[in-house]
Amino acid sequence: MERTAGLRADAGVVAADIETLPIGQVVQVYSRFCDVDHPTGLRRCVTRKTLSKMSITSIVVGDRVRFRDTGSNDETGKPEAVIELALPRDTILTRAGSFHDNRAQPIVANAEQMLIVVSLMQPMVKWGLVDRMLVAAESGKLVPIVCLNKVDLAEMDDRARRQFTHADEVLAHYASMEIATVRTSAAAEIGLDELAKILANHTTVLAGHSGVGKSSLITAIQPDLDIRVGEVSVQTEKGRHTTTSGRRYPLKIGGFVIDTPGVKDFGLWDVTAENLTEYFPDVQAGNAPPWRQESFERIAESLR
């Protein structure tokens, strides 16, 4: 944004004045500005430099904010505004910078649930990453849901069939812990009605490896959404990163989805080796299957 200096209000804004400002919700964050949704229209906003003195943190997608219109428009005609205050968050999805980095990296605020999307093949599912995301969801007060996508590939070859058998066992175990699961295929139109019921009238953050089909699933449910859909390299089975930042999309069935970039790993924040068992009730109860026990031990080791 070229005219950020002209968008900054005077530094002497009083708290009483801020409390009268309209409230909008951040739908996308860029390097120097963000888009804020409001019933009267989308605003292109910069953040006041003194925001950190008045509110809890930097701005992320999903944050509810109070903004002040400037009376000017950007080069596309979009009204410009200044974010004066970020309101307290109900939920937060946060990751650490790395497995051994304690600095928090907030990703999405105020979502209700987290759809953890994995693919049966291309790329092959990594259940250890799923377990990390389950911990991140629950620690941030989001309801986790595990979605196994590309189930139509189960008949591709013997390897795929064995993978599907194991995946079925994994999902059954998650279900035994009251974690919702769904099996889908965007290409074969499998499970889309069930997924739509899960998403309807909720705010859902999508998470998973690149190439697992997050964007394809949402586009299959609502084709007119402008979500970029990428391809998967046959040689590496790794998806190209088609989503470069989180973005919130409205659904015609009610609610919103927040698409996020694909991840290769997921460092946990505000979780320790000592309190990790709180997020592994099956390990705590002594009835975790071997793969889940191994997952717990690997995560615990990474937190030490």
Foldseek 3Di string as FASTA:
>chain_A
DPPVVLQADDPPDDPVNQVPADKWFWFFDDDAWTWTDDPVGIETEGEHPCAVVAEPDDDEGGWIFGWAWSPDAPPVRHTYIYTNYTDDFPFWQWFAPDLAGQDIDTAHTHFAAEEEFAECVLPHDDVLQVLLNLVSCVVRNHQYEYEYEPLVCCPVDPVSVVSVVVVVVVQVVCVVVVRHYFYYYLVVGPRLVVVCVVAAAGEYEYAAFAPRQPVSSVCSNPVVDPQDDWHGDPVPSHTDWRDPGWGWDADPSHYIYIYGTGDPHTHHYPDALVCLVVSVVCVVVVNDPPVVVVSNVVSNVSRD
